[in-house]
PDB file of N, CA and C in Angstrom:
ATOM      1  N   MET A   1     -70.160 -17.424  23.296  1.00  0.00           N
ATOM      2  CA  MET A   1     -69.690 -17.225  21.931  1.00  0.00           C
ATOM      3  C   MET A   1     -69.006 -15.861  21.781  1.00  0.00           C
ATOM      4  N   LYS A   2     -69.644 -14.823  22.321  1.00  0.00           N
ATOM      5  CA  LYS A   2     -69.051 -13.484  22.223  1.00  0.00           C
ATOM      6  C   LYS A   2     -67.711 -13.428  22.954  1.00  0.00           C
ATOM      7  N   TYR A   3     -67.633 -14.177  24.046  1.00  0.00           N
ATOM      8  CA  TYR A   3     -66.407 -14.215  24.834  1.00  0.00           C
ATOM      9  C   TYR A   3     -65.252 -14.810  24.023  1.00  0.00           C
ATOM     10  N   SER A   4     -65.531 -15.864  23.280  1.00  0.00           N
ATOM     11  CA  SER A   4     -64.478 -16.510  22.492  1.00  0.00           C
ATOM     12  C   SER A   4     -64.051 -15.626  21.317  1.00  0.00           C
ATOM     13  N   ILE A   5     -64.969 -14.870  20.749  1.00  0.00           N
ATOM     14  CA  ILE A   5     -64.610 -13.951  19.659  1.00  0.00           C
ATOM     15  C   ILE A   5     -63.695 -12.858  20.190  1.00  0.00           C
ATOM     16  N   SER A   6     -64.028 -12.339  21.371  1.00  0.00           N
ATOM     17  CA  SER A   6     -63.190 -11.306  21.985  1.00  0.00           C
ATOM     18  C   SER A   6     -61.789 -11.830  22.264  1.00  0.00           C
ATOM     19  N   LEU A   7     -61.707 -13.042  22.770  1.00  0.00           N
ATOM     20  CA  LEU A   7     -60.396 -13.642  23.042  1.00  0.00           C
ATOM     21  C   LEU A   7     -59.624 -13.881  21.755  1.00  0.00           C
ATOM     22  N   GLY A   8     -60.325 -14.207  20.690  1.00  0.00           N
ATOM     23  CA  GLY A   8     -59.669 -14.441  19.409  1.00  0.00           C
ATOM     24  C   GLY A   8     -59.111 -13.171  18.794  1.00  0.00           C
ATOM     25  N   LEU A   9     -59.751 -12.049  19.057  1.00  0.00           N
ATOM     26  CA  LEU A   9     -59.298 -10.776  18.493  1.00  0.00           C
ATOM     27  C   LEU A   9     -58.215 -10.108  19.336  1.00  0.00           C
ATOM     28  N   LEU A  10     -58.086 -10.503  20.580  1.00  0.00           N
ATOM     29  CA  LEU A  10     -57.096  -9.909  21.466  1.00  0.00           C
ATOM     30  C   LEU A  10     -55.665 -10.013  20.932  1.00  0.00           C
ATOM     31  N   PRO A  11     -55.207 -11.179  20.468  1.00  0.00           N
ATOM     32  CA  PRO A  11     -53.835 -11.254  19.936  1.00  0.00           C
ATOM     33  C   PRO A  11     -53.608 -10.326  18.743  1.00  0.00           C
ATOM     34  N   LEU A  12     -54.600 -10.173  17.901  1.00  0.00           N
ATOM     35  CA  LEU A  12     -54.451  -9.273  16.752  1.00  0.00           C
ATOM     36  C   LEU A  12     -54.263  -7.834  17.210  1.00  0.00           C
ATOM     37  N   ALA A  13     -55.030  -7.436  18.202  1.00  0.00           N
ATOM     38  CA  ALA A  13     -54.898  -6.078  18.726  1.00  0.00           C
ATOM     39  C   ALA A  13     -53.522  -5.865  19.350  1.00  0.00           C
ATOM     40  N   LEU A  14     -53.058  -6.852  20.100  1.00  0.00           N
ATOM     41  CA  LEU A  14     -51.741  -6.733  20.729  1.00  0.00           C
ATOM     42  C   LEU A  14     -50.618  -6.723  19.699  1.00  0.00           C
ATOM     43  N   LEU A  15     -50.724  -7.540  18.673  1.00  0.00           N
ATOM     44  CA  LEU A  15     -49.695  -7.555  17.628  1.00  0.00           C
ATOM     45  C   LEU A  15     -49.696  -6.245  16.849  1.00  0.00           C
ATOM     46  N   GLY A  16     -50.855  -5.685  16.615  1.00  0.00           N
ATOM     47  CA  GLY A  16     -50.938  -4.396  15.934  1.00  0.00           C
ATOM     48  C   GLY A  16     -50.261  -3.300  16.732  1.00  0.00           C
ATOM     49  N   ALA A  17     -50.405  -3.351  18.034  1.00  0.00           N
ATOM     50  CA  ALA A  17     -49.762  -2.361  18.896  1.00  0.00           C
ATOM     51  C   ALA A  17     -48.248  -2.522  18.863  1.00  0.00           C
ATOM     52  N   CYS A  18     -47.761  -3.747  18.788  1.00  0.00           N
ATOM     53  CA  CYS A  18     -46.314  -3.988  18.736  1.00  0.00           C
ATOM     54  C   CYS A  18     -45.709  -3.436  17.451  1.00  0.00           C
ATOM     55  N   ALA A  19     -46.406  -3.579  16.367  1.00  0.00           N
ATOM     56  CA  ALA A  19     -45.869  -3.150  15.079  1.00  0.00           C
ATOM     57  C   ALA A  19     -45.816  -1.640  14.957  1.00  0.00           C
ATOM     58  N   THR A  20     -46.590  -0.925  15.777  1.00  0.00           N
ATOM     59  CA  THR A  20     -46.622   0.522  15.666  1.00  0.00           C
ATOM     60  C   THR A  20     -45.645   1.206  16.612  1.00  0.00           C
ATOM     61  N   LEU A  21     -44.954   0.441  17.445  1.00  0.00           N
ATOM     62  CA  LEU A  21     -43.974   1.031  18.344  1.00  0.00           C
ATOM     63  C   LEU A  21     -42.771   1.515  17.545  1.00  0.00           C
ATOM     64  N   PRO A  22     -42.228   2.668  17.906  1.00  0.00           N
ATOM     65  CA  PRO A  22     -41.029   3.126  17.194  1.00  0.00           C
ATOM     66  C   PRO A  22     -39.843   2.220  17.509  1.00  0.00           C
ATOM     67  N   PRO A  23     -38.965   2.039  16.543  1.00  0.00           N
ATOM     68  CA  PRO A  23     -37.817   1.143  16.774  1.00  0.00           C
ATOM     69  C   PRO A  23     -36.814   1.759  17.749  1.00  0.00           C
ATOM     70  N   THR A  24     -36.182   0.911  18.502  1.00  0.00           N
ATOM     71  CA  THR A  24     -35.127   1.370  19.403  1.00  0.00           C
ATOM     72  C   THR A  24     -33.835   1.545  18.608  1.00  0.00           C
ATOM     73  N   SER A  25     -32.878   2.225  19.191  1.00  0.00           N
ATOM     74  CA  SER A  25     -31.601   2.406  18.510  1.00  0.00           C
ATOM     75  C   SER A  25     -30.895   1.066  18.302  1.00  0.00           C
ATOM     76  N   ALA A  26     -31.095   0.127  19.239  1.00  0.00           N
ATOM     77  CA  ALA A  26     -30.498  -1.204  19.093  1.00  0.00           C
ATOM     78  C   ALA A  26     -31.121  -1.954  17.918  1.00  0.00           C
ATOM     79  N   GLN A  27     -32.435  -1.831  17.736  1.00  0.00           N
ATOM     80  CA  GLN A  27     -33.095  -2.481  16.606  1.00  0.00           C
ATOM     81  C   GLN A  27     -32.610  -1.889  15.285  1.00  0.00           C
ATOM     82  N   ILE A  28     -32.473  -0.589  15.238  1.00  0.00           N
ATOM     83  CA  ILE A  28     -32.001   0.073  14.016  1.00  0.00           C
ATOM     84  C   ILE A  28     -30.591  -0.397  13.683  1.00  0.00           C
ATOM     85  N   ALA A  29     -29.729  -0.426  14.692  1.00  0.00           N
ATOM     86  CA  ALA A  29     -28.353  -0.866  14.469  1.00  0.00           C
ATOM     87  C   ALA A  29     -28.309  -2.324  14.012  1.00  0.00           C
ATOM     88  N   SER A  30     -29.139  -3.162  14.616  1.00  0.00           N
ATOM     89  CA  SER A  30     -29.182  -4.573  14.238  1.00  0.00           C
ATOM     90  C   SER A  30     -29.650  -4.737  12.794  1.00  0.00           C
ATOM     91  N   CYS A  31     -30.654  -3.981  12.402  1.00  0.00           N
ATOM     92  CA  CYS A  31     -31.173  -4.085  11.038  1.00  0.00           C
ATOM     93  C   CYS A  31     -30.150  -3.576  10.018  1.00  0.00           C
ATOM     94  N   LYS A  32     -29.454  -2.502  10.362  1.00  0.00           N
ATOM     95  CA  LYS A  32     -28.421  -1.994   9.454  1.00  0.00           C
ATOM     96  C   LYS A  32     -27.284  -2.997   9.310  1.00  0.00           C
ATOM     97  N   ALA A  33     -26.929  -3.644  10.418  1.00  0.00           N
ATOM     98  CA  ALA A  33     -25.870  -4.654  10.371  1.00  0.00           C
ATOM     99  C   ALA A  33     -26.317  -5.846   9.535  1.00  0.00           C
ATOM    100  N   MET A  34     -27.571  -6.241   9.685  1.00  0.00           N
ATOM    101  CA  MET A  34     -28.083  -7.360   8.897  1.00  0.00           C
ATOM    102  C   MET A  34     -28.057  -7.005   7.414  1.00  0.00           C
ATOM    103  N   GLU A  35     -28.443  -5.776   7.099  1.00  0.00           N
ATOM    104  CA  GLU A  35     -28.450  -5.344   5.704  1.00  0.00           C
ATOM    105  C   GLU A  35     -27.032  -5.312   5.132  1.00  0.00           C
ATOM    106  N   ASP A  36     -26.081  -4.810   5.924  1.00  0.00           N
ATOM    107  CA  ASP A  36     -24.693  -4.728   5.466  1.00  0.00           C
ATOM    108  C   ASP A  36     -24.065  -6.106   5.266  1.00  0.00           C
ATOM    109  N   ASN A  37     -24.416  -7.052   6.142  1.00  0.00           N
ATOM    110  CA  ASN A  37     -23.810  -8.377   6.113  1.00  0.00           C
ATOM    111  C   ASN A  37     -24.661  -9.421   5.418  1.00  0.00           C
ATOM    112  N   MET A  38     -25.732  -8.987   4.776  1.00  0.00           N
ATOM    113  CA  MET A  38     -26.667  -9.936   4.192  1.00  0.00           C
ATOM    114  C   MET A  38     -25.945 -10.910   3.256  1.00  0.00           C
ATOM    115  N   GLY A  39     -26.066 -12.174   3.574  1.00  0.00           N
ATOM    116  CA  GLY A  39     -25.466 -13.207   2.742  1.00  0.00           C
ATOM    117  C   GLY A  39     -24.003 -13.457   3.027  1.00  0.00           C
ATOM    118  N   LEU A  40     -23.403 -12.687   3.933  1.00  0.00           N
ATOM    119  CA  LEU A  40     -21.971 -12.845   4.196  1.00  0.00           C
ATOM    120  C   LEU A  40     -21.698 -13.544   5.524  1.00  0.00           C
ATOM    121  N   ALA A  41     -22.234 -13.012   6.596  1.00  0.00           N
ATOM    122  CA  ALA A  41     -21.878 -13.499   7.932  1.00  0.00           C
ATOM    123  C   ALA A  41     -22.596 -14.784   8.311  1.00  0.00           C
ATOM    124  N   THR A  42     -23.887 -14.830   8.137  1.00  0.00           N
ATOM    125  CA  THR A  42     -24.656 -15.996   8.565  1.00  0.00           C
ATOM    126  C   THR A  42     -25.552 -16.478   7.437  1.00  0.00           C
ATOM    127  N   PRO A  43     -25.032 -17.313   6.578  1.00  0.00           N
ATOM    128  CA  PRO A  43     -25.873 -17.818   5.485  1.00  0.00           C
ATOM    129  C   PRO A  43     -27.040 -18.633   6.025  1.00  0.00           C
ATOM    130  N   HIS A  44     -28.190 -18.428   5.433  1.00  0.00           N
ATOM    131  CA  HIS A  44     -29.377 -19.169   5.823  1.00  0.00           C
ATOM    132  C   HIS A  44     -30.288 -19.298   4.612  1.00  0.00           C
ATOM    133  N   ASP A  45     -31.176 -20.250   4.693  1.00  0.00           N
ATOM    134  CA  ASP A  45     -32.038 -20.578   3.568  1.00  0.00           C
ATOM    135  C   ASP A  45     -33.464 -20.109   3.841  1.00  0.00           C
ATOM    136  N   HIS A  46     -33.927 -19.158   3.039  1.00  0.00           N
ATOM    137  CA  HIS A  46     -35.293 -18.663   3.205  1.00  0.00           C
ATOM    138  C   HIS A  46     -36.319 -19.719   2.800  1.00  0.00           C
ATOM    139  N   ASN A  47     -35.947 -20.633   1.957  1.00  0.00           N
ATOM    140  CA  ASN A  47     -36.874 -21.681   1.524  1.00  0.00           C
ATOM    141  C   ASN A  47     -37.026 -22.773   2.583  1.00  0.00           C
ATOM    142  N   GLU A  48     -36.114 -22.779   3.543  1.00  0.00           N
ATOM    143  CA  GLU A  48     -36.122 -23.812   4.574  1.00  0.00           C
ATOM    144  C   GLU A  48     -37.448 -23.841   5.333  1.00  0.00           C
ATOM    145  N   MET A  49     -38.015 -22.688   5.600  1.00  0.00           N
ATOM    146  CA  MET A  49     -39.250 -22.608   6.371  1.00  0.00           C
ATOM    147  C   MET A  49     -40.470 -22.335   5.488  1.00  0.00           C
ATOM    148  N   LYS A  50     -40.299 -22.475   4.194  1.00  0.00           N
ATOM    149  CA  LYS A  50     -41.397 -22.205   3.272  1.00  0.00           C
ATOM    150  C   LYS A  50     -42.566 -23.142   3.548  1.00  0.00           C
ATOM    151  N   GLY A  51     -43.758 -22.622   3.432  1.00  0.00           N
ATOM    152  CA  GLY A  51     -44.948 -23.422   3.653  1.00  0.00           C
ATOM    153  C   GLY A  51     -45.346 -23.538   5.112  1.00  0.00           C
ATOM    154  N   GLN A  52     -44.604 -22.904   5.998  1.00  0.00           N
ATOM    155  CA  GLN A  52     -44.912 -22.971   7.423  1.00  0.00           C
ATOM    156  C   GLN A  52     -45.622 -21.714   7.899  1.00  0.00           C
ATOM    157  N   GLY A  53     -46.044 -20.857   6.978  1.00  0.00           N
ATOM    158  CA  GLY A  53     -46.706 -19.620   7.373  1.00  0.00           C
ATOM    159  C   GLY A  53     -45.690 -18.613   7.867  1.00  0.00           C
ATOM    160  N   ARG A  54     -46.133 -17.716   8.696  1.00  0.00           N
ATOM    161  CA  ARG A  54     -45.243 -16.693   9.251  1.00  0.00           C
ATOM    162  C   ARG A  54     -44.332 -17.350  10.271  1.00  0.00           C
ATOM    163  N   ASN A  55     -43.045 -17.174  10.089  1.00  0.00           N
ATOM    164  CA  ASN A  55     -42.088 -17.773  11.005  1.00  0.00           C
ATOM    165  C   ASN A  55     -41.173 -16.684  11.549  1.00  0.00           C
ATOM    166  N   PRO A  56     -40.407 -16.956  12.585  1.00  0.00           N
ATOM    167  CA  PRO A  56     -39.590 -15.921  13.226  1.00  0.00           C
ATOM    168  C   PRO A  56     -38.628 -15.217  12.276  1.00  0.00           C
ATOM    169  N   MET A  57     -38.028 -15.961  11.349  1.00  0.00           N
ATOM    170  CA  MET A  57     -37.084 -15.328  10.435  1.00  0.00           C
ATOM    171  C   MET A  57     -37.794 -14.322   9.531  1.00  0.00           C
ATOM    172  N   ASN A  58     -38.919 -14.722   8.966  1.00  0.00           N
ATOM    173  CA  ASN A  58     -39.647 -13.811   8.093  1.00  0.00           C
ATOM    174  C   ASN A  58     -40.171 -12.600   8.852  1.00  0.00           C
ATOM    175  N   LEU A  59     -40.626 -12.820  10.077  1.00  0.00           N
ATOM    176  CA  LEU A  59     -41.129 -11.701  10.878  1.00  0.00           C
ATOM    177  C   LEU A  59     -40.022 -10.699  11.178  1.00  0.00           C
ATOM    178  N   SER A  60     -38.839 -11.188  11.541  1.00  0.00           N
ATOM    179  CA  SER A  60     -37.744 -10.273  11.847  1.00  0.00           C
ATOM    180  C   SER A  60     -37.267  -9.558  10.588  1.00  0.00           C
ATOM    181  N   HIS A  61     -37.246 -10.246   9.452  1.00  0.00           N
ATOM    182  CA  HIS A  61     -36.852  -9.606   8.205  1.00  0.00           C
ATOM    183  C   HIS A  61     -37.861  -8.535   7.810  1.00  0.00           C
ATOM    184  N   ASP A  62     -39.149  -8.836   7.962  1.00  0.00           N
ATOM    185  CA  ASP A  62     -40.187  -7.857   7.634  1.00  0.00           C
ATOM    186  C   ASP A  62     -40.092  -6.636   8.536  1.00  0.00           C
ATOM    187  N   ARG A  63     -39.843  -6.874   9.821  1.00  0.00           N
ATOM    188  CA  ARG A  63     -39.716  -5.747  10.760  1.00  0.00           C
ATOM    189  C   ARG A  63     -38.510  -4.893  10.394  1.00  0.00           C
ATOM    190  N   CYS A  64     -37.415  -5.506  10.017  1.00  0.00           N
ATOM    191  CA  CYS A  64     -36.231  -4.739   9.619  1.00  0.00           C
ATOM    192  C   CYS A  64     -36.515  -3.923   8.361  1.00  0.00           C
ATOM    193  N   LEU A  65     -37.244  -4.488   7.429  1.00  0.00           N
ATOM    194  CA  LEU A  65     -37.607  -3.720   6.232  1.00  0.00           C
ATOM    195  C   LEU A  65     -38.426  -2.495   6.598  1.00  0.00           C
ATOM    196  N   GLN A  66     -39.365  -2.650   7.522  1.00  0.00           N
ATOM    197  CA  GLN A  66     -40.157  -1.510   7.987  1.00  0.00           C
ATOM    198  C   GLN A  66     -39.269  -0.456   8.629  1.00  0.00           C
ATOM    199  N   ILE A  67     -38.347  -0.897   9.476  1.00  0.00           N
ATOM    200  CA  ILE A  67     -37.465   0.037  10.185  1.00  0.00           C
ATOM    201  C   ILE A  67     -36.566   0.763   9.206  1.00  0.00           C
ATOM    202  N   LEU A  68     -35.973   0.048   8.269  1.00  0.00           N
ATOM    203  CA  LEU A  68     -35.037   0.678   7.330  1.00  0.00           C
ATOM    204  C   LEU A  68     -35.751   1.633   6.371  1.00  0.00           C
ATOM    205  N   LYS A  69     -37.000   1.369   6.045  1.00  0.00           N
ATOM    206  CA  LYS A  69     -37.756   2.288   5.186  1.00  0.00           C
ATOM    207  C   LYS A  69     -38.016   3.613   5.893  1.00  0.00           C
ATOM    208  N   GLN A  70     -38.088   3.594   7.230  1.00  0.00           N
ATOM    209  CA  GLN A  70     -38.325   4.803   8.001  1.00  0.00           C
ATOM    210  C   GLN A  70     -37.077   5.666   8.126  1.00  0.00           C
ATOM    211  N   GLN A  71     -35.934   5.086   7.906  1.00  0.00           N
ATOM    212  CA  GLN A  71     -34.668   5.808   8.095  1.00  0.00           C
ATOM    213  C   GLN A  71     -34.349   6.697   6.917  1.00  0.00           C
TER     214      GLN A  71
END
């Protein structure tokens, strides 16, 4: 039982470590480009993945918000 709890907490620890890494210059540039082109270059529907929990689009948008707030 203790073994399964440890395995269950491992992904959370690893994800927490990923979120605390400083952004690379490429990530910063990508986020700035996304912000500048928001709604212009690649239209997409945020409601499309609604109800599916955390999805790749929301995760990348959230990460960009974190990066841009640091700038």
